[in-house]
C-alpha atoms as a PDB file:
ATOM      1  CA  MET A   1      11.305 -10.749   7.809  1.00  0.00           C
ATOM      2  CA  ASN A   2       8.367  -9.795   9.991  1.00  0.00           C
ATOM      3  CA  ILE A   3       4.743 -10.308   8.941  1.00  0.00           C
ATOM      4  CA  ARG A   4       4.320  -6.649   8.021  1.00  0.00           C
ATOM      5  CA  GLY A   5       7.386  -6.745   5.758  1.00  0.00           C
ATOM      6  CA  ARG A   6       6.088  -9.868   4.031  1.00  0.00           C
ATOM      7  CA  GLY A   7       2.713  -8.279   3.449  1.00  0.00           C
ATOM      8  CA  ILE A   8       4.252  -5.072   2.108  1.00  0.00           C
ATOM      9  CA  LEU A   9       6.408  -6.977  -0.344  1.00  0.00           C
ATOM     10  CA  ILE A  10       3.564  -9.061  -1.725  1.00  0.00           C
ATOM     11  CA  ALA A  11       1.108  -6.156  -1.902  1.00  0.00           C
ATOM     12  CA  ILE A  12       3.532  -3.779  -3.582  1.00  0.00           C
ATOM     13  CA  LEU A  13       4.652  -6.393  -6.091  1.00  0.00           C
ATOM     14  CA  VAL A  14       1.048  -6.984  -7.086  1.00  0.00           C
ATOM     15  CA  LEU A  15       0.491  -3.243  -7.513  1.00  0.00           C
ATOM     16  CA  ALA A  16       3.750  -2.793  -9.390  1.00  0.00           C
ATOM     17  CA  LEU A  17       3.000  -5.474 -11.905  1.00  0.00           C
ATOM     18  CA  ALA A  18      -0.699  -4.810 -12.379  1.00  0.00           C
ATOM     19  CA  GLY A  19      -0.076  -2.077 -14.905  1.00  0.00           C
ATOM     20  CA  GLY A  20       1.089  -4.240 -17.773  1.00  0.00           C
ATOM     21  CA  PRO A  21       1.172  -7.793 -19.118  1.00  0.00           C
ATOM     22  CA  MET A  22       3.881  -9.966 -17.654  1.00  0.00           C
ATOM     23  CA  VAL A  23       3.790 -13.081 -19.819  1.00  0.00           C
ATOM     24  CA  TYR A  24       6.906 -15.172 -20.174  1.00  0.00           C
ATOM     25  CA  ALA A  25       7.632 -17.986 -22.559  1.00  0.00           C
ATOM     26  CA  GLY A  26       9.878 -20.709 -21.220  1.00  0.00           C
ATOM     27  CA  GLN A  27      12.385 -20.117 -18.453  1.00  0.00           C
ATOM     28  CA  SER A  28      14.048 -16.828 -17.601  1.00  0.00           C
ATOM     29  CA  HIS A  29      15.680 -15.270 -14.585  1.00  0.00           C
ATOM     30  CA  LEU A  30      12.616 -13.084 -14.112  1.00  0.00           C
ATOM     31  CA  ALA A  31      10.310 -16.101 -14.264  1.00  0.00           C
ATOM     32  CA  ASN A  32      12.502 -17.816 -11.691  1.00  0.00           C
ATOM     33  CA  ALA A  33      12.241 -14.742  -9.458  1.00  0.00           C
ATOM     34  CA  PHE A  34       8.452 -14.823  -9.740  1.00  0.00           C
ATOM     35  CA  GLU A  35       8.471 -18.484  -8.804  1.00  0.00           C
ATOM     36  CA  ALA A  36      10.645 -17.789  -5.743  1.00  0.00           C
ATOM     37  CA  LEU A  37       8.329 -14.963  -4.647  1.00  0.00           C
ATOM     38  CA  TYR A  38       5.337 -17.234  -5.131  1.00  0.00           C
ATOM     39  CA  TYR A  39       6.896 -19.780  -2.784  1.00  0.00           C
ATOM     40  CA  TYR A  40       7.638 -16.942  -0.383  1.00  0.00           C
ATOM     41  CA  SER A  41       3.962 -15.914  -0.437  1.00  0.00           C
ATOM     42  CA  LEU A  42       3.124 -19.500   0.568  1.00  0.00           C
ATOM     43  CA  ARG A  43       5.548 -19.178   3.508  1.00  0.00           C
ATOM     44  CA  VAL A  44       7.559 -22.245   2.494  1.00  0.00           C
ATOM     45  CA  ASP A  45      10.525 -20.766   4.385  1.00  0.00           C
ATOM     46  CA  ASP A  46       8.549 -21.221   7.618  1.00  0.00           C
ATOM     47  CA  ARG A  47       8.125 -24.930   6.943  1.00  0.00           C
ATOM     48  CA  PHE A  48      11.558 -25.487   5.415  1.00  0.00           C
ATOM     49  CA  PRO A  49      14.062 -23.180   7.162  1.00  0.00           C
ATOM     50  CA  GLY A  50      16.829 -24.235   4.796  1.00  0.00           C
ATOM     51  CA  LEU A  51      15.097 -22.477   1.918  1.00  0.00           C
ATOM     52  CA  ASP A  52      15.490 -18.744   1.346  1.00  0.00           C
ATOM     53  CA  PRO A  53      13.137 -17.744  -1.485  1.00  0.00           C
ATOM     54  CA  LEU A  54      13.855 -14.032  -1.039  1.00  0.00           C
ATOM     55  CA  ALA A  55      17.580 -14.565  -1.527  1.00  0.00           C
ATOM     56  CA  THR A  56      16.825 -16.682  -4.595  1.00  0.00           C
ATOM     57  CA  ALA A  57      14.536 -13.979  -5.988  1.00  0.00           C
ATOM     58  CA  GLU A  58      17.179 -11.311  -5.391  1.00  0.00           C
ATOM     59  CA  ASP A  59      19.843 -13.382  -7.161  1.00  0.00           C
ATOM     60  CA  GLU A  60      17.580 -14.093 -10.153  1.00  0.00           C
ATOM     61  CA  LEU A  61      16.562 -10.439 -10.461  1.00  0.00           C
ATOM     62  CA  GLU A  62      20.188  -9.318 -10.480  1.00  0.00           C
ATOM     63  CA  LYS A  63      20.906 -11.836 -13.244  1.00  0.00           C
ATOM     64  CA  GLU A  64      17.927 -10.565 -15.264  1.00  0.00           C
ATOM     65  CA  ILE A  65      19.141  -6.984 -14.902  1.00  0.00           C
ATOM     66  CA  ALA A  66      22.601  -7.978 -16.088  1.00  0.00           C
ATOM     67  CA  THR A  67      21.706 -10.309 -18.937  1.00  0.00           C
ATOM     68  CA  GLY A  68      17.956 -10.518 -19.532  1.00  0.00           C
ATOM     69  CA  VAL A  69      15.545  -8.785 -21.868  1.00  0.00           C
ATOM     70  CA  ARG A  70      13.278  -7.697 -18.975  1.00  0.00           C
ATOM     71  CA  GLY A  71      15.915  -5.787 -17.059  1.00  0.00           C
ATOM     72  CA  LYS A  72      13.730  -2.720 -16.449  1.00  0.00           C
ATOM     73  CA  GLU A  73      10.967  -4.758 -14.819  1.00  0.00           C
ATOM     74  CA  ALA A  74      13.545  -6.698 -12.802  1.00  0.00           C
ATOM     75  CA  LEU A  75      15.106  -3.450 -11.586  1.00  0.00           C
ATOM     76  CA  ILE A  76      11.813  -2.211 -10.152  1.00  0.00           C
ATOM     77  CA  MET A  77      11.110  -5.554  -8.531  1.00  0.00           C
ATOM     78  CA  LEU A  78      14.557  -5.609  -6.947  1.00  0.00           C
ATOM     79  CA  ALA A  79      14.010  -2.103  -5.589  1.00  0.00           C
ATOM     80  CA  ILE A  80      10.717  -3.226  -4.062  1.00  0.00           C
ATOM     81  CA  LEU A  81      12.377  -6.270  -2.564  1.00  0.00           C
ATOM     82  CA  HIS A  82      15.023  -4.124  -0.844  1.00  0.00           C
ATOM     83  CA  HIS A  83      12.289  -1.667   0.203  1.00  0.00           C
ATOM     84  CA  SER A  84      10.342  -4.466   1.887  1.00  0.00           C
ATOM     85  CA  GLN A  85      13.425  -5.408   3.908  1.00  0.00           C
ATOM     86  CA  GLU A  86      14.017  -1.789   4.960  1.00  0.00           C
ATOM     87  CA  ARG A  87      17.258  -1.530   3.043  1.00  0.00           C
ATOM     88  CA  TRP A  88      16.439   2.108   2.455  1.00  0.00           C
ATOM     89  CA  GLU A  89      19.624   3.316   0.780  1.00  0.00           C
ATOM     90  CA  LYS A  90      19.805   0.452  -1.710  1.00  0.00           C
ATOM     91  CA  ALA A  91      16.097   0.669  -2.486  1.00  0.00           C
ATOM     92  CA  GLU A  92      16.318   4.419  -3.132  1.00  0.00           C
ATOM     93  CA  GLN A  93      19.313   3.926  -5.411  1.00  0.00           C
ATOM     94  CA  LEU A  94      17.442   1.334  -7.469  1.00  0.00           C
ATOM     95  CA  TYR A  95      14.225   3.387  -7.651  1.00  0.00           C
ATOM     96  CA  ARG A  96      16.241   6.369  -8.857  1.00  0.00           C
ATOM     97  CA  GLN A  97      17.943   4.188 -11.455  1.00  0.00           C
ATOM     98  CA  ALA A  98      14.550   2.895 -12.599  1.00  0.00           C
ATOM     99  CA  LEU A  99      13.266   6.470 -12.816  1.00  0.00           C
ATOM    100  CA  GLU A 100      16.141   7.366 -15.143  1.00  0.00           C
ATOM    101  CA  ASP A 101      14.921   4.600 -17.466  1.00  0.00           C
ATOM    102  CA  ARG A 102      11.279   5.661 -17.114  1.00  0.00           C
ATOM    103  CA  PRO A 103      11.230   9.398 -16.363  1.00  0.00           C
ATOM    104  CA  ASP A 104       7.468   9.642 -16.951  1.00  0.00           C
ATOM    105  CA  SER A 105       6.548   6.869 -14.509  1.00  0.00           C
ATOM    106  CA  ALA A 106       4.067   7.944 -11.863  1.00  0.00           C
ATOM    107  CA  SER A 107       4.221   4.526 -10.191  1.00  0.00           C
ATOM    108  CA  ILE A 108       7.940   4.716  -9.464  1.00  0.00           C
ATOM    109  CA  ARG A 109       7.432   8.146  -7.913  1.00  0.00           C
ATOM    110  CA  VAL A 110       4.750   6.694  -5.644  1.00  0.00           C
ATOM    111  CA  PHE A 111       7.135   3.920  -4.590  1.00  0.00           C
ATOM    112  CA  LEU A 112       9.761   6.537  -3.803  1.00  0.00           C
ATOM    113  CA  GLY A 113       7.177   8.499  -1.846  1.00  0.00           C
ATOM    114  CA  ASP A 114       6.336   5.382   0.149  1.00  0.00           C
ATOM    115  CA  LEU A 115      10.035   4.832   0.815  1.00  0.00           C
ATOM    116  CA  TYR A 116      10.514   8.388   2.070  1.00  0.00           C
ATOM    117  CA  ARG A 117       7.366   8.238   4.186  1.00  0.00           C
ATOM    118  CA  ALA A 118       8.559   5.026   5.847  1.00  0.00           C
ATOM    119  CA  GLN A 119      11.692   6.933   6.851  1.00  0.00           C
ATOM    120  CA  SER A 120       9.707   9.972   8.089  1.00  0.00           C
ATOM    121  CA  ARG A 121      11.109  12.065   5.228  1.00  0.00           C
ATOM    122  CA  ILE A 122       7.675  13.605   4.839  1.00  0.00           C
ATOM    123  CA  ASP A 123       8.514  16.653   2.688  1.00  0.00           C
ATOM    124  CA  GLU A 124      10.284  14.440   0.155  1.00  0.00           C
ATOM    125  CA  ALA A 125       7.416  11.969   0.218  1.00  0.00           C
ATOM    126  CA  VAL A 126       4.855  14.712  -0.470  1.00  0.00           C
ATOM    127  CA  GLU A 127       6.988  15.991  -3.346  1.00  0.00           C
ATOM    128  CA  MET A 128       7.068  12.529  -4.932  1.00  0.00           C
ATOM    129  CA  TYR A 129       3.310  11.999  -4.569  1.00  0.00           C
ATOM    130  CA  GLN A 130       2.593  15.411  -6.061  1.00  0.00           C
ATOM    131  CA  GLU A 131       4.947  14.745  -8.979  1.00  0.00           C
ATOM    132  CA  ALA A 132       3.146  11.450  -9.581  1.00  0.00           C
ATOM    133  CA  LEU A 133      -0.218  13.213  -9.635  1.00  0.00           C
ATOM    134  CA  GLU A 134       1.061  15.722 -12.169  1.00  0.00           C
ATOM    135  CA  LEU A 135       1.601  12.762 -14.497  1.00  0.00           C
ATOM    136  CA  GLU A 136      -1.634  10.892 -13.787  1.00  0.00           C
ATOM    137  CA  SER A 137      -4.365  10.611 -11.179  1.00  0.00           C
ATOM    138  CA  MET A 138      -3.339   7.739  -8.924  1.00  0.00           C
ATOM    139  CA  GLY A 139      -5.446   6.599  -6.008  1.00  0.00           C
ATOM    140  CA  ARG A 140      -2.399   5.462  -4.037  1.00  0.00           C
ATOM    141  CA  ALA A 141      -0.795   8.899  -4.290  1.00  0.00           C
ATOM    142  CA  HIS A 142      -4.020  10.633  -3.201  1.00  0.00           C
ATOM    143  CA  PHE A 143      -4.430   8.141  -0.354  1.00  0.00           C
ATOM    144  CA  SER A 144      -0.894   8.660   0.943  1.00  0.00           C
ATOM    145  CA  LEU A 145      -1.312  12.431   0.858  1.00  0.00           C
ATOM    146  CA  GLY A 146      -4.551  11.959   2.762  1.00  0.00           C
ATOM    147  CA  MET A 147      -2.802   9.905   5.432  1.00  0.00           C
ATOM    148  CA  ILE A 148      -0.071  12.520   5.793  1.00  0.00           C
ATOM    149  CA  ALA A 149      -2.694  15.269   6.112  1.00  0.00           C
ATOM    150  CA  LEU A 150      -4.576  13.183   8.680  1.00  0.00           C
ATOM    151  CA  GLU A 151      -1.400  12.724  10.731  1.00  0.00           C
ATOM    152  CA  ASN A 152      -0.883  16.507  10.578  1.00  0.00           C
ATOM    153  CA  GLU A 153      -4.494  17.056  11.719  1.00  0.00           C
ATOM    154  CA  ASP A 154      -5.323  18.829   8.459  1.00  0.00           C
ATOM    155  CA  HIS A 155      -8.637  17.056   8.261  1.00  0.00           C
ATOM    156  CA  GLU A 156     -10.118  19.107   5.439  1.00  0.00           C
ATOM    157  CA  SER A 157      -7.174  18.370   3.119  1.00  0.00           C
ATOM    158  CA  ALA A 158      -7.236  14.735   4.223  1.00  0.00           C
ATOM    159  CA  ALA A 159     -10.900  14.413   3.276  1.00  0.00           C
ATOM    160  CA  GLU A 160     -10.235  15.959  -0.135  1.00  0.00           C
ATOM    161  CA  SER A 161      -7.374  13.551  -0.845  1.00  0.00           C
ATOM    162  CA  PHE A 162      -9.366  10.522   0.286  1.00  0.00           C
ATOM    163  CA  ARG A 163     -12.289  11.594  -1.922  1.00  0.00           C
ATOM    164  CA  HIS A 164      -9.962  11.735  -4.926  1.00  0.00           C
ATOM    165  CA  ALA A 165      -8.580   8.300  -4.086  1.00  0.00           C
ATOM    166  CA  SER A 166     -12.101   6.898  -3.793  1.00  0.00           C
ATOM    167  CA  ASP A 167     -13.153   8.520  -7.055  1.00  0.00           C
ATOM    168  CA  ASP A 168     -10.282   6.762  -8.824  1.00  0.00           C
ATOM    169  CA  ASN A 169     -11.382   3.397  -7.439  1.00  0.00           C
ATOM    170  CA  GLU A 170     -14.672   2.783  -5.626  1.00  0.00           C
ATOM    171  CA  GLU A 171     -13.237  -0.441  -4.193  1.00  0.00           C
ATOM    172  CA  PHE A 172     -10.331   1.371  -2.550  1.00  0.00           C
ATOM    173  CA  PHE A 173     -11.842   0.665   0.845  1.00  0.00           C
ATOM    174  CA  ALA A 174      -8.927   2.058   2.872  1.00  0.00           C
ATOM    175  CA  ALA A 175      -9.463   5.435   1.210  1.00  0.00           C
ATOM    176  CA  ARG A 176     -13.148   5.419   2.092  1.00  0.00           C
ATOM    177  CA  VAL A 177     -12.349   4.499   5.689  1.00  0.00           C
ATOM    178  CA  GLY A 178      -9.847   7.361   5.695  1.00  0.00           C
ATOM    179  CA  LEU A 179     -12.567   9.675   4.440  1.00  0.00           C
ATOM    180  CA  GLY A 180     -14.844   8.536   7.242  1.00  0.00           C
ATOM    181  CA  ARG A 181     -12.106   9.265   9.781  1.00  0.00           C
ATOM    182  CA  ALA A 182     -11.441  12.738   8.340  1.00  0.00           C
ATOM    183  CA  LEU A 183     -15.155  13.552   8.418  1.00  0.00           C
ATOM    184  CA  TYR A 184     -15.398  12.363  12.017  1.00  0.00           C
ATOM    185  CA  TYR A 185     -12.608  14.722  13.057  1.00  0.00           C
ATOM    186  CA  GLN A 186     -14.489  17.539  11.337  1.00  0.00           C
ATOM    187  CA  ASP A 187     -17.553  16.699  13.480  1.00  0.00           C
ATOM    188  CA  LYS A 188     -19.500  15.711  10.372  1.00  0.00           C
ATOM    189  CA  LEU A 189     -20.861  12.694  12.205  1.00  0.00           C
ATOM    190  CA  GLY A 190     -23.775  11.886   9.921  1.00  0.00           C
ATOM    191  CA  GLU A 191     -21.691  11.961   6.767  1.00  0.00           C
ATOM    192  CA  ALA A 192     -18.886  10.031   8.471  1.00  0.00           C
ATOM    193  CA  ALA A 193     -21.280   7.310   9.634  1.00  0.00           C
ATOM    194  CA  GLU A 194     -22.844   7.039   6.193  1.00  0.00           C
ATOM    195  CA  THR A 195     -19.407   6.696   4.595  1.00  0.00           C
ATOM    196  CA  LEU A 196     -18.227   4.009   7.020  1.00  0.00           C
ATOM    197  CA  GLU A 197     -21.498   2.088   6.962  1.00  0.00           C
ATOM    198  CA  GLY A 198     -21.373   2.104   3.167  1.00  0.00           C
ATOM    199  CA  VAL A 199     -17.899   0.621   2.975  1.00  0.00           C
ATOM    200  CA  LEU A 200     -18.771  -2.033   5.563  1.00  0.00           C
ATOM    201  CA  LEU A 201     -21.636  -3.183   3.371  1.00  0.00           C
ATOM    202  CA  GLN A 202     -18.987  -4.124   0.820  1.00  0.00           C
ATOM    203  CA  ASP A 203     -16.371  -5.438   3.241  1.00  0.00           C
ATOM    204  CA  SER A 204     -17.315  -6.008   6.876  1.00  0.00           C
ATOM    205  CA  ARG A 205     -13.753  -6.999   7.900  1.00  0.00           C
ATOM    206  CA  LEU A 206     -12.350  -3.483   8.344  1.00  0.00           C
ATOM    207  CA  PRO A 207     -11.545  -2.899  12.031  1.00  0.00           C
ATOM    208  CA  ASP A 208     -10.816   0.815  11.622  1.00  0.00           C
ATOM    209  CA  ALA A 209     -14.280   1.363  10.151  1.00  0.00           C
ATOM    210  CA  HIS A 210     -15.921  -0.396  13.101  1.00  0.00           C
ATOM    211  CA  GLU A 211     -13.772   1.494  15.612  1.00  0.00           C
ATOM    212  CA  TYR A 212     -14.718   4.898  14.241  1.00  0.00           C
ATOM    213  CA  LEU A 213     -18.354   3.922  13.904  1.00  0.00           C
ATOM    214  CA  ALA A 214     -18.277   3.002  17.600  1.00  0.00           C
ATOM    215  CA  LEU A 215     -17.011   6.497  18.412  1.00  0.00           C
ATOM    216  CA  ILE A 216     -19.632   8.106  16.191  1.00  0.00           C
ATOM    217  CA  TYR A 217     -22.496   6.028  17.600  1.00  0.00           C
ATOM    218  CA  GLU A 218     -21.343   6.867  21.137  1.00  0.00           C
ATOM    219  CA  GLU A 219     -21.505  10.598  20.377  1.00  0.00           C
ATOM    220  CA  GLN A 220     -24.899  10.140  18.744  1.00  0.00           C
ATOM    221  CA  GLY A 221     -26.228   8.351  21.815  1.00  0.00           C
ATOM    222  CA  LYS A 222     -26.611   5.038  19.978  1.00  0.00           C
ATOM    223  CA  TYR A 223     -25.005   3.077  22.780  1.00  0.00           C
ATOM    224  CA  GLU A 224     -26.086  -0.421  21.768  1.00  0.00           C
ATOM    225  CA  GLN A 225     -24.791   0.068  18.220  1.00  0.00           C
ATOM    226  CA  ALA A 226     -21.582   1.569  19.610  1.00  0.00           C
ATOM    227  CA  GLU A 227     -20.992  -1.471  21.810  1.00  0.00           C
ATOM    228  CA  HIS A 228     -21.610  -3.848  18.899  1.00  0.00           C
ATOM    229  CA  ALA A 229     -19.225  -1.934  16.632  1.00  0.00           C
ATOM    230  CA  GLU A 230     -16.554  -1.883  19.347  1.00  0.00           C
ATOM    231  CA  GLN A 231     -16.878  -5.646  19.895  1.00  0.00           C
ATOM    232  CA  ARG A 232     -16.630  -6.318  16.170  1.00  0.00           C
ATOM    233  CA  ALA A 233     -13.492  -4.174  15.912  1.00  0.00           C
ATOM    234  CA  ALA A 234     -11.895  -6.094  18.789  1.00  0.00           C
ATOM    235  CA  GLU A 235     -12.744  -9.435  17.140  1.00  0.00           C
ATOM    236  CA  LEU A 236     -11.108  -8.342  13.906  1.00  0.00           C
ATOM    237  CA  ARG A 237      -8.026  -7.028  15.709  1.00  0.00           C
ATOM    238  CA  ASN A 238      -7.578 -10.400  17.411  1.00  0.00           C
ATOM    239  CA  MET A 239      -7.656 -12.112  14.007  1.00  0.00           C
ATOM    240  CA  GLU A 240      -4.834  -9.980  12.581  1.00  0.00           C
END
């Protein structure tokens, strides 16, 4: 799997499991799957090519679904695993199965939206995000709608969605960077700069924020600051 796929898997698993306690006594197939994914996060398969922690996790999750008491959690994790490997059809099937078990789950709808968006099935993705938001206000759903609006050059709607995402979580830095971008495209340079400068005070390692600040400073005639922001963005890009 490529680096992006690895990052998606780890990030989504963390988000998926953050909503409830996952405490296990003793050994179980689900605990074994967690252990395999932990080793995967440490990249042990790079050092020991004979190991395949993802295959182990998949096998343990299937066993938990078939015989364990945490089958519903295992089902979602297995869907995410297939999603991360771009096995779109299998992932969609498992998400839909999980949604039958949990029809009021906003999170599963967001995962489905992410799946559809990755396949450029934008109308279906928007529908899933909107359904999720009808159930609860979720920053990830607002953020994804903001990104879709930004890609469609609907900058006003993008800004609104990013504001909602930021309101749900002040530390959702990607949403605040998105807001800064949307404001920039609306020629609200002062507000855009203030937004981006604010988020960089909390996390200075956001290349997109530096890149857009460079553009803003250039338009404002702040050439020295623009050059510094551009250099910082390039440094961060080289570290990725």
